[in-house]
mmCIF file of all heavy atoms, coordinates in Angstrom:
data_MODEL
# 
_entry.id   MODEL 
# 
loop_
_atom_site.group_PDB 
_atom_site.id 
_atom_site.type_symbol 
_atom_site.label_atom_id 
_atom_site.label_alt_id 
_atom_site.label_comp_id 
_atom_site.label_asym_id 
_atom_site.label_entity_id 
_atom_site.label_seq_id 
_atom_site.pdbx_PDB_ins_code 
_atom_site.Cartn_x 
_atom_site.Cartn_y 
_atom_site.Cartn_z 
_atom_site.occupancy 
_atom_site.B_iso_or_equiv 
_atom_site.pdbx_formal_charge 
_atom_site.auth_seq_id 
_atom_site.auth_comp_id 
_atom_site.auth_asym_id 
_atom_site.auth_atom_id 
_atom_site.pdbx_PDB_model_num 
ATOM 1   N N   . SER A 1 1  ? 15.512  10.288 17.218 1.00 0.00 ? 1  SER A N   1 
ATOM 2   C CA  . SER A 1 1  ? 14.103  10.579 16.943 1.00 0.00 ? 1  SER A CA  1 
ATOM 3   C C   . SER A 1 1  ? 13.933  11.157 15.543 1.00 0.00 ? 1  SER A C   1 
ATOM 4   O O   . SER A 1 1  ? 14.846  11.785 14.996 1.00 0.00 ? 1  SER A O   1 
ATOM 5   C CB  . SER A 1 1  ? 13.554  11.600 17.954 1.00 0.00 ? 1  SER A CB  1 
ATOM 6   O OG  . SER A 1 1  ? 13.615  11.084 19.264 1.00 0.00 ? 1  SER A OG  1 
ATOM 7   N N   . LEU A 1 2  ? 12.761  10.940 15.002 1.00 0.00 ? 2  LEU A N   1 
ATOM 8   C CA  . LEU A 1 2  ? 12.358  11.551 13.739 1.00 0.00 ? 2  LEU A CA  1 
ATOM 9   C C   . LEU A 1 2  ? 10.861  11.841 13.838 1.00 0.00 ? 2  LEU A C   1 
ATOM 10  O O   . LEU A 1 2  ? 10.137  11.162 14.577 1.00 0.00 ? 2  LEU A O   1 
ATOM 11  C CB  . LEU A 1 2  ? 12.592  10.609 12.543 1.00 0.00 ? 2  LEU A CB  1 
ATOM 12  C CG  . LEU A 1 2  ? 14.000  10.446 12.006 1.00 0.00 ? 2  LEU A CG  1 
ATOM 13  C CD1 . LEU A 1 2  ? 14.017  9.364  10.936 1.00 0.00 ? 2  LEU A CD1 1 
ATOM 14  C CD2 . LEU A 1 2  ? 14.536  11.769 11.438 1.00 0.00 ? 2  LEU A CD2 1 
ATOM 15  N N   . ARG A 1 3  ? 10.416  12.835 13.086 1.00 0.00 ? 3  ARG A N   1 
ATOM 16  C CA  . ARG A 1 3  ? 8.988   13.115 12.992 1.00 0.00 ? 3  ARG A CA  1 
ATOM 17  C C   . ARG A 1 3  ? 8.596   13.104 11.525 1.00 0.00 ? 3  ARG A C   1 
ATOM 18  O O   . ARG A 1 3  ? 9.112   13.874 10.728 1.00 0.00 ? 3  ARG A O   1 
ATOM 19  C CB  . ARG A 1 3  ? 8.624   14.462 13.622 1.00 0.00 ? 3  ARG A CB  1 
ATOM 20  C CG  . ARG A 1 3  ? 7.098   14.629 13.708 1.00 0.00 ? 3  ARG A CG  1 
ATOM 21  C CD  . ARG A 1 3  ? 6.700   15.920 14.400 1.00 0.00 ? 3  ARG A CD  1 
ATOM 22  N NE  . ARG A 1 3  ? 6.758   17.064 13.503 1.00 0.00 ? 3  ARG A NE  1 
ATOM 23  C CZ  . ARG A 1 3  ? 6.056   18.177 13.689 1.00 0.00 ? 3  ARG A CZ  1 
ATOM 24  N NH1 . ARG A 1 3  ? 5.245   18.278 14.715 1.00 0.00 ? 3  ARG A NH1 1 
ATOM 25  N NH2 . ARG A 1 3  ? 6.206   19.184 12.845 1.00 0.00 ? 3  ARG A NH2 1 
ATOM 26  N N   . LEU A 1 4  ? 7.660   12.222 11.201 1.00 0.00 ? 4  LEU A N   1 
ATOM 27  C CA  . LEU A 1 4  ? 7.121   12.162 9.861  1.00 0.00 ? 4  LEU A CA  1 
ATOM 28  C C   . LEU A 1 4  ? 5.828   12.972 9.786  1.00 0.00 ? 4  LEU A C   1 
ATOM 29  O O   . LEU A 1 4  ? 5.073   13.035 10.756 1.00 0.00 ? 4  LEU A O   1 
ATOM 30  C CB  . LEU A 1 4  ? 6.820   10.715 9.470  1.00 0.00 ? 4  LEU A CB  1 
ATOM 31  C CG  . LEU A 1 4  ? 7.959   9.698  9.601  1.00 0.00 ? 4  LEU A CG  1 
ATOM 32  C CD1 . LEU A 1 4  ? 7.497   8.335  9.105  1.00 0.00 ? 4  LEU A CD1 1 
ATOM 33  C CD2 . LEU A 1 4  ? 9.189   10.165 8.858  1.00 0.00 ? 4  LEU A CD2 1 
ATOM 34  N N   . SER A 1 5  ? 5.595   13.556 8.634  1.00 0.00 ? 5  SER A N   1 
ATOM 35  C CA  . SER A 1 5  ? 4.372   14.298 8.396  1.00 0.00 ? 5  SER A CA  1 
ATOM 36  C C   . SER A 1 5  ? 3.660   13.742 7.185  1.00 0.00 ? 5  SER A C   1 
ATOM 37  O O   . SER A 1 5  ? 4.298   13.262 6.245  1.00 0.00 ? 5  SER A O   1 
ATOM 38  C CB  . SER A 1 5  ? 4.666   15.777 8.147  1.00 0.00 ? 5  SER A CB  1 
ATOM 39  O OG  . SER A 1 5  ? 5.329   16.349 9.256  1.00 0.00 ? 5  SER A OG  1 
ATOM 40  N N   . CYS A 1 6  ? 2.351   13.796 7.213  1.00 0.00 ? 6  CYS A N   1 
ATOM 41  C CA  . CYS A 1 6  ? 1.542   13.370 6.076  1.00 0.00 ? 6  CYS A CA  1 
ATOM 42  C C   . CYS A 1 6  ? 0.428   14.385 5.905  1.00 0.00 ? 6  CYS A C   1 
ATOM 43  O O   . CYS A 1 6  ? -0.443  14.514 6.773  1.00 0.00 ? 6  CYS A O   1 
ATOM 44  C CB  . CYS A 1 6  ? 0.980   11.983 6.306  1.00 0.00 ? 6  CYS A CB  1 
ATOM 45  S SG  . CYS A 1 6  ? -0.118  11.423 4.983  1.00 0.00 ? 6  CYS A SG  1 
ATOM 46  N N   . ALA A 1 7  ? 0.461   15.103 4.816  1.00 0.00 ? 7  ALA A N   1 
ATOM 47  C CA  . ALA A 1 7  ? -0.523  16.137 4.568  1.00 0.00 ? 7  ALA A CA  1 
ATOM 48  C C   . ALA A 1 7  ? -1.449  15.738 3.434  1.00 0.00 ? 7  ALA A C   1 
ATOM 49  O O   . ALA A 1 7  ? -1.010  15.171 2.433  1.00 0.00 ? 7  ALA A O   1 
ATOM 50  C CB  . ALA A 1 7  ? 0.193   17.442 4.211  1.00 0.00 ? 7  ALA A CB  1 
ATOM 51  N N   . ASP A 1 8  ? -2.703  16.026 3.619  1.00 0.00 ? 8  ASP A N   1 
ATOM 52  C CA  . ASP A 1 8  ? -3.682  15.875 2.553  1.00 0.00 ? 8  ASP A CA  1 
ATOM 53  C C   . ASP A 1 8  ? -3.625  17.156 1.734  1.00 0.00 ? 8  ASP A C   1 
ATOM 54  O O   . ASP A 1 8  ? -4.320  18.131 2.045  1.00 0.00 ? 8  ASP A O   1 
ATOM 55  C CB  . ASP A 1 8  ? -5.084  15.640 3.114  1.00 0.00 ? 8  ASP A CB  1 
ATOM 56  C CG  . ASP A 1 8  ? -6.153  15.625 2.034  1.00 0.00 ? 8  ASP A CG  1 
ATOM 57  O OD1 . ASP A 1 8  ? -5.796  15.582 0.830  1.00 0.00 ? 8  ASP A OD1 1 
ATOM 58  O OD2 . ASP A 1 8  ? -7.354  15.659 2.383  1.00 0.00 ? 8  ASP A OD2 1 
ATOM 59  N N   . SER A 1 9  ? -2.788  17.159 0.720  1.00 0.00 ? 9  SER A N   1 
ATOM 60  C CA  . SER A 1 9  ? -2.571  18.390 -0.037 1.00 0.00 ? 9  SER A CA  1 
ATOM 61  C C   . SER A 1 9  ? -3.809  18.774 -0.827 1.00 0.00 ? 9  SER A C   1 
ATOM 62  O O   . SER A 1 9  ? -3.936  19.934 -1.250 1.00 0.00 ? 9  SER A O   1 
ATOM 63  C CB  . SER A 1 9  ? -1.371  18.228 -0.985 1.00 0.00 ? 9  SER A CB  1 
ATOM 64  O OG  . SER A 1 9  ? -1.649  17.228 -1.954 1.00 0.00 ? 9  SER A OG  1 
ATOM 65  N N   . GLY A 1 10 ? -4.725  17.839 -1.006 1.00 0.00 ? 10 GLY A N   1 
ATOM 66  C CA  . GLY A 1 10 ? -5.956  18.190 -1.700 1.00 0.00 ? 10 GLY A CA  1 
ATOM 67  C C   . GLY A 1 10 ? -6.888  18.991 -0.811 1.00 0.00 ? 10 GLY A C   1 
ATOM 68  O O   . GLY A 1 10 ? -7.864  19.585 -1.283 1.00 0.00 ? 10 GLY A O   1 
ATOM 69  N N   . ARG A 1 11 ? -6.582  18.970 0.542  1.00 0.00 ? 11 ARG A N   1 
ATOM 70  C CA  . ARG A 1 11 ? -7.348  19.747 1.511  1.00 0.00 ? 11 ARG A CA  1 
ATOM 71  C C   . ARG A 1 11 ? -8.848  19.520 1.336  1.00 0.00 ? 11 ARG A C   1 
ATOM 72  O O   . ARG A 1 11 ? -9.640  20.445 1.391  1.00 0.00 ? 11 ARG A O   1 
ATOM 73  C CB  . ARG A 1 11 ? -7.025  21.228 1.427  1.00 0.00 ? 11 ARG A CB  1 
ATOM 74  C CG  . ARG A 1 11 ? -5.560  21.536 1.622  1.00 0.00 ? 11 ARG A CG  1 
ATOM 75  C CD  . ARG A 1 11 ? -5.298  23.030 1.716  1.00 0.00 ? 11 ARG A CD  1 
ATOM 76  N NE  . ARG A 1 11 ? -5.832  23.598 2.927  1.00 0.00 ? 11 ARG A NE  1 
ATOM 77  C CZ  . ARG A 1 11 ? -5.233  23.591 4.097  1.00 0.00 ? 11 ARG A CZ  1 
ATOM 78  N NH1 . ARG A 1 11 ? -4.056  22.992 4.229  1.00 0.00 ? 11 ARG A NH1 1 
ATOM 79  N NH2 . ARG A 1 11 ? -5.809  24.150 5.155  1.00 0.00 ? 11 ARG A NH2 1 
ATOM 80  N N   . THR A 1 12 ? -9.196  18.250 1.151  1.00 0.00 ? 12 THR A N   1 
ATOM 81  C CA  . THR A 1 12 ? -10.596 17.940 0.932  1.00 0.00 ? 12 THR A CA  1 
ATOM 82  C C   . THR A 1 12 ? -11.396 17.990 2.241  1.00 0.00 ? 12 THR A C   1 
ATOM 83  O O   . THR A 1 12 ? -12.600 18.181 2.201  1.00 0.00 ? 12 THR A O   1 
ATOM 84  C CB  . THR A 1 12 ? -10.743 16.531 0.335  1.00 0.00 ? 12 THR A CB  1 
ATOM 85  O OG1 . THR A 1 12 ? -10.227 15.567 1.266  1.00 0.00 ? 12 THR A OG1 1 
ATOM 86  C CG2 . THR A 1 12 ? -9.961  16.422 -0.982 1.00 0.00 ? 12 THR A CG2 1 
ATOM 87  N N   . GLY A 1 13 ? -10.717 17.769 3.366  1.00 0.00 ? 13 GLY A N   1 
ATOM 88  C CA  . GLY A 1 13 ? -11.430 17.733 4.633  1.00 0.00 ? 13 GLY A CA  1 
ATOM 89  C C   . GLY A 1 13 ? -12.355 16.545 4.733  1.00 0.00 ? 13 GLY A C   1 
ATOM 90  O O   . GLY A 1 13 ? -13.234 16.505 5.599  1.00 0.00 ? 13 GLY A O   1 
ATOM 91  N N   . SER A 1 14 ? -12.187 15.560 3.868  1.00 0.00 ? 14 SER A N   1 
ATOM 92  C CA  . SER A 1 14 ? -13.101 14.425 3.829  1.00 0.00 ? 14 SER A CA  1 
ATOM 93  C C   . SER A 1 14 ? -12.490 13.158 4.400  1.00 0.00 ? 14 SER A C   1 
ATOM 94  O O   . SER A 1 14 ? -13.120 12.101 4.336  1.00 0.00 ? 14 SER A O   1 
ATOM 95  C CB  . SER A 1 14 ? -13.567 14.176 2.391  1.00 0.00 ? 14 SER A CB  1 
ATOM 96  O OG  . SER A 1 14 ? -12.449 13.861 1.580  1.00 0.00 ? 14 SER A OG  1 
ATOM 97  N N   . VAL A 1 15 ? -11.277 13.251 4.909  1.00 0.00 ? 15 VAL A N   1 
ATOM 98  C CA  . VAL A 1 15 ? -10.593 12.076 5.458  1.00 0.00 ? 15 VAL A CA  1 
ATOM 99  C C   . VAL A 1 15 ? -10.872 11.980 6.936  1.00 0.00 ? 15 VAL A C   1 
ATOM 100 O O   . VAL A 1 15 ? -10.768 12.971 7.675  1.00 0.00 ? 15 VAL A O   1 
ATOM 101 C CB  . VAL A 1 15 ? -9.084  12.187 5.190  1.00 0.00 ? 15 VAL A CB  1 
ATOM 102 C CG1 . VAL A 1 15 ? -8.321  11.134 5.976  1.00 0.00 ? 15 VAL A CG1 1 
ATOM 103 C CG2 . VAL A 1 15 ? -8.797  12.053 3.705  1.00 0.00 ? 15 VAL A CG2 1 
ATOM 104 N N   . TYR A 1 16 ? -11.198 10.777 7.411  1.00 0.00 ? 16 TYR A N   1 
ATOM 105 C CA  . TYR A 1 16 ? -11.479 10.579 8.827  1.00 0.00 ? 16 TYR A CA  1 
ATOM 106 C C   . TYR A 1 16 ? -10.668 9.471  9.459  1.00 0.00 ? 16 TYR A C   1 
ATOM 107 O O   . TYR A 1 16 ? -10.798 9.221  10.655 1.00 0.00 ? 16 TYR A O   1 
ATOM 108 C CB  . TYR A 1 16 ? -12.972 10.297 9.030  1.00 0.00 ? 16 TYR A CB  1 
ATOM 109 C CG  . TYR A 1 16 ? -13.851 11.468 8.682  1.00 0.00 ? 16 TYR A CG  1 
ATOM 110 C CD1 . TYR A 1 16 ? -14.479 11.563 7.444  1.00 0.00 ? 16 TYR A CD1 1 
ATOM 111 C CD2 . TYR A 1 16 ? -14.023 12.504 9.584  1.00 0.00 ? 16 TYR A CD2 1 
ATOM 112 C CE1 . TYR A 1 16 ? -15.261 12.655 7.122  1.00 0.00 ? 16 TYR A CE1 1 
ATOM 113 C CE2 . TYR A 1 16 ? -14.806 13.601 9.274  1.00 0.00 ? 16 TYR A CE2 1 
ATOM 114 C CZ  . TYR A 1 16 ? -15.418 13.664 8.043  1.00 0.00 ? 16 TYR A CZ  1 
ATOM 115 O OH  . TYR A 1 16 ? -16.196 14.739 7.724  1.00 0.00 ? 16 TYR A OH  1 
ATOM 116 N N   . THR A 1 17 ? -9.876  8.816  8.681  1.00 0.00 ? 17 THR A N   1 
ATOM 117 C CA  . THR A 1 17 ? -8.986  7.780  9.205  1.00 0.00 ? 17 THR A CA  1 
ATOM 118 C C   . THR A 1 17 ? -7.663  7.885  8.487  1.00 0.00 ? 17 THR A C   1 
ATOM 119 O O   . THR A 1 17 ? -7.626  7.998  7.250  1.00 0.00 ? 17 THR A O   1 
ATOM 120 C CB  . THR A 1 17 ? -9.564  6.369  8.976  1.00 0.00 ? 17 THR A CB  1 
ATOM 121 O OG1 . THR A 1 17 ? -10.821 6.258  9.623  1.00 0.00 ? 17 THR A OG1 1 
ATOM 122 C CG2 . THR A 1 17 ? -8.614  5.315  9.528  1.00 0.00 ? 17 THR A CG2 1 
ATOM 123 N N   . MET A 1 18 ? -6.572  7.887  9.227  1.00 0.00 ? 18 MET A N   1 
ATOM 124 C CA  . MET A 1 18 ? -5.244  7.880  8.636  1.00 0.00 ? 18 MET A CA  1 
ATOM 125 C C   . MET A 1 18 ? -4.385  6.898  9.377  1.00 0.00 ? 18 MET A C   1 
ATOM 126 O O   . MET A 1 18 ? -4.579  6.653  10.583 1.00 0.00 ? 18 MET A O   1 
ATOM 127 C CB  . MET A 1 18 ? -4.624  9.277  8.667  1.00 0.00 ? 18 MET A CB  1 
ATOM 128 C CG  . MET A 1 18 ? -5.373  10.270 7.786  1.00 0.00 ? 18 MET A CG  1 
ATOM 129 S SD  . MET A 1 18 ? -4.568  11.872 7.627  1.00 0.00 ? 18 MET A SD  1 
ATOM 130 C CE  . MET A 1 18 ? -3.281  11.491 6.429  1.00 0.00 ? 18 MET A CE  1 
ATOM 131 N N   . GLY A 1 19 ? -3.446  6.340  8.664  1.00 0.00 ? 19 GLY A N   1 
ATOM 132 C CA  . GLY A 1 19 ? -2.566  5.365  9.270  1.00 0.00 ? 19 GLY A CA  1 
ATOM 133 C C   . GLY A 1 19 ? -1.185  5.423  8.681  1.00 0.00 ? 19 GLY A C   1 
ATOM 134 O O   . GLY A 1 19 ? -0.961  6.039  7.641  1.00 0.00 ? 19 GLY A O   1 
ATOM 135 N N   . TRP A 1 20 ? -0.265  4.809  9.394  1.00 0.00 ? 20 TRP A N   1 
ATOM 136 C CA  . TRP A 1 20 ? 1.105   4.630  8.897  1.00 0.00 ? 20 TRP A CA  1 
ATOM 137 C C   . TRP A 1 20 ? 1.405   3.139  8.836  1.00 0.00 ? 20 TRP A C   1 
ATOM 138 O O   . TRP A 1 20 ? 1.111   2.400  9.787  1.00 0.00 ? 20 TRP A O   1 
ATOM 139 C CB  . TRP A 1 20 ? 2.098   5.325  9.838  1.00 0.00 ? 20 TRP A CB  1 
ATOM 140 C CG  . TRP A 1 20 ? 2.087   6.808  9.788  1.00 0.00 ? 20 TRP A CG  1 
ATOM 141 C CD1 . TRP A 1 20 ? 1.388   7.666  10.576 1.00 0.00 ? 20 TRP A CD1 1 
ATOM 142 C CD2 . TRP A 1 20 ? 2.799   7.638  8.856  1.00 0.00 ? 20 TRP A CD2 1 
ATOM 143 N NE1 . TRP A 1 20 ? 1.628   8.952  10.220 1.00 0.00 ? 20 TRP A NE1 1 
ATOM 144 C CE2 . TRP A 1 20 ? 2.494   8.983  9.175  1.00 0.00 ? 20 TRP A CE2 1 
ATOM 145 C CE3 . TRP A 1 20 ? 3.689   7.386  7.817  1.00 0.00 ? 20 TRP A CE3 1 
ATOM 146 C CZ2 . TRP A 1 20 ? 3.035   10.066 8.471  1.00 0.00 ? 20 TRP A CZ2 1 
ATOM 147 C CZ3 . TRP A 1 20 ? 4.222   8.454  7.123  1.00 0.00 ? 20 TRP A CZ3 1 
ATOM 148 C CH2 . TRP A 1 20 ? 3.897   9.767  7.459  1.00 0.00 ? 20 TRP A CH2 1 
ATOM 149 N N   . PHE A 1 21 ? 1.985   2.777  7.731  1.00 0.00 ? 21 PHE A N   1 
ATOM 150 C CA  . PHE A 1 21 ? 2.455   1.414  7.545  1.00 0.00 ? 21 PHE A CA  1 
ATOM 151 C C   . PHE A 1 21 ? 3.928   1.498  7.155  1.00 0.00 ? 21 PHE A C   1 
ATOM 152 O O   . PHE A 1 21 ? 4.400   2.552  6.752  1.00 0.00 ? 21 PHE A O   1 
ATOM 153 C CB  . PHE A 1 21 ? 1.661   0.712  6.435  1.00 0.00 ? 21 PHE A CB  1 
ATOM 154 C CG  . PHE A 1 21 ? 0.228   0.425  6.801  1.00 0.00 ? 21 PHE A CG  1 
ATOM 155 C CD1 . PHE A 1 21 ? -0.719  1.442  6.834  1.00 0.00 ? 21 PHE A CD1 1 
ATOM 156 C CD2 . PHE A 1 21 ? -0.179  -0.856 7.128  1.00 0.00 ? 21 PHE A CD2 1 
ATOM 157 C CE1 . PHE A 1 21 ? -2.038  1.196  7.190  1.00 0.00 ? 21 PHE A CE1 1 
ATOM 158 C CE2 . PHE A 1 21 ? -1.495  -1.124 7.466  1.00 0.00 ? 21 PHE A CE2 1 
ATOM 159 C CZ  . PHE A 1 21 ? -2.418  -0.099 7.506  1.00 0.00 ? 21 PHE A CZ  1 
ATOM 160 N N   . ARG A 1 22 ? 4.632   0.382  7.263  1.00 0.00 ? 22 ARG A N   1 
ATOM 161 C CA  . ARG A 1 22 ? 6.037   0.393  6.872  1.00 0.00 ? 22 ARG A CA  1 
ATOM 162 C C   . ARG A 1 22 ? 6.386   -0.926 6.185  1.00 0.00 ? 22 ARG A C   1 
ATOM 163 O O   . ARG A 1 22 ? 5.757   -1.945 6.448  1.00 0.00 ? 22 ARG A O   1 
ATOM 164 C CB  . ARG A 1 22 ? 6.941   0.644  8.051  1.00 0.00 ? 22 ARG A CB  1 
ATOM 165 C CG  . ARG A 1 22 ? 6.939   -0.451 9.114  1.00 0.00 ? 22 ARG A CG  1 
ATOM 166 C CD  . ARG A 1 22 ? 7.753   -0.018 10.338 1.00 0.00 ? 22 ARG A CD  1 
ATOM 167 N NE  . ARG A 1 22 ? 7.815   -1.066 11.351 1.00 0.00 ? 22 ARG A NE  1 
ATOM 168 C CZ  . ARG A 1 22 ? 8.372   -0.902 12.545 1.00 0.00 ? 22 ARG A CZ  1 
ATOM 169 N NH1 . ARG A 1 22 ? 8.897   0.278  12.892 1.00 0.00 ? 22 ARG A NH1 1 
ATOM 170 N NH2 . ARG A 1 22 ? 8.395   -1.922 13.402 1.00 0.00 ? 22 ARG A NH2 1 
ATOM 171 N N   . GLN A 1 23 ? 7.392   -0.836 5.340  1.00 0.00 ? 23 GLN A N   1 
ATOM 172 C CA  . GLN A 1 23 ? 7.835   -2.021 4.627  1.00 0.00 ? 23 GLN A CA  1 
ATOM 173 C C   . GLN A 1 23 ? 9.354   -2.025 4.560  1.00 0.00 ? 23 GLN A C   1 
ATOM 174 O O   . GLN A 1 23 ? 9.962   -1.128 3.978  1.00 0.00 ? 23 GLN A O   1 
ATOM 175 C CB  . GLN A 1 23 ? 7.235   -2.068 3.213  1.00 0.00 ? 23 GLN A CB  1 
ATOM 176 C CG  . GLN A 1 23 ? 7.503   -3.362 2.492  1.00 0.00 ? 23 GLN A CG  1 
ATOM 177 C CD  . GLN A 1 23 ? 6.644   -3.526 1.253  1.00 0.00 ? 23 GLN A CD  1 
ATOM 178 O OE1 . GLN A 1 23 ? 6.070   -2.564 0.721  1.00 0.00 ? 23 GLN A OE1 1 
ATOM 179 N NE2 . GLN A 1 23 ? 6.508   -4.765 0.768  1.00 0.00 ? 23 GLN A NE2 1 
ATOM 180 N N   . ALA A 1 24 ? 9.915   -3.046 5.163  1.00 0.00 ? 24 ALA A N   1 
ATOM 181 C CA  . ALA A 1 24 ? 11.361  -3.230 5.133  1.00 0.00 ? 24 ALA A CA  1 
ATOM 182 C C   . ALA A 1 24 ? 11.709  -4.122 3.947  1.00 0.00 ? 24 ALA A C   1 
ATOM 183 O O   . ALA A 1 24 ? 10.883  -4.877 3.441  1.00 0.00 ? 24 ALA A O   1 
ATOM 184 C CB  . ALA A 1 24 ? 11.826  -3.882 6.439  1.00 0.00 ? 24 ALA A CB  1 
ATOM 185 N N   . PRO A 1 25 ? 12.967  -4.046 3.469  1.00 0.00 ? 25 PRO A N   1 
ATOM 186 C CA  . PRO A 1 25 ? 13.373  -4.861 2.318  1.00 0.00 ? 25 PRO A CA  1 
ATOM 187 C C   . PRO A 1 25 ? 13.117  -6.342 2.565  1.00 0.00 ? 25 PRO A C   1 
ATOM 188 O O   . PRO A 1 25 ? 13.474  -6.883 3.609  1.00 0.00 ? 25 PRO A O   1 
ATOM 189 C CB  . PRO A 1 25 ? 14.867  -4.565 2.201  1.00 0.00 ? 25 PRO A CB  1 
ATOM 190 C CG  . PRO A 1 25 ? 15.028  -3.214 2.807  1.00 0.00 ? 25 PRO A CG  1 
ATOM 191 C CD  . PRO A 1 25 ? 14.029  -3.152 3.930  1.00 0.00 ? 25 PRO A CD  1 
ATOM 192 N N   . GLY A 1 26 ? 12.458  -6.971 1.600  1.00 0.00 ? 26 GLY A N   1 
ATOM 193 C CA  . GLY A 1 26 ? 12.212  -8.403 1.698  1.00 0.00 ? 26 GLY A CA  1 
ATOM 194 C C   . GLY A 1 26 ? 11.094  -8.788 2.640  1.00 0.00 ? 26 GLY A C   1 
ATOM 195 O O   . GLY A 1 26 ? 10.856  -9.980 2.855  1.00 0.00 ? 26 GLY A O   1 
# 
């Protein structure tokens, strides 16, 4: 297992949708 984190360091509070995408080589 792993846990990824994604923080809005700008702390704008204006984000309402977030997603994760991934890209493997090639």
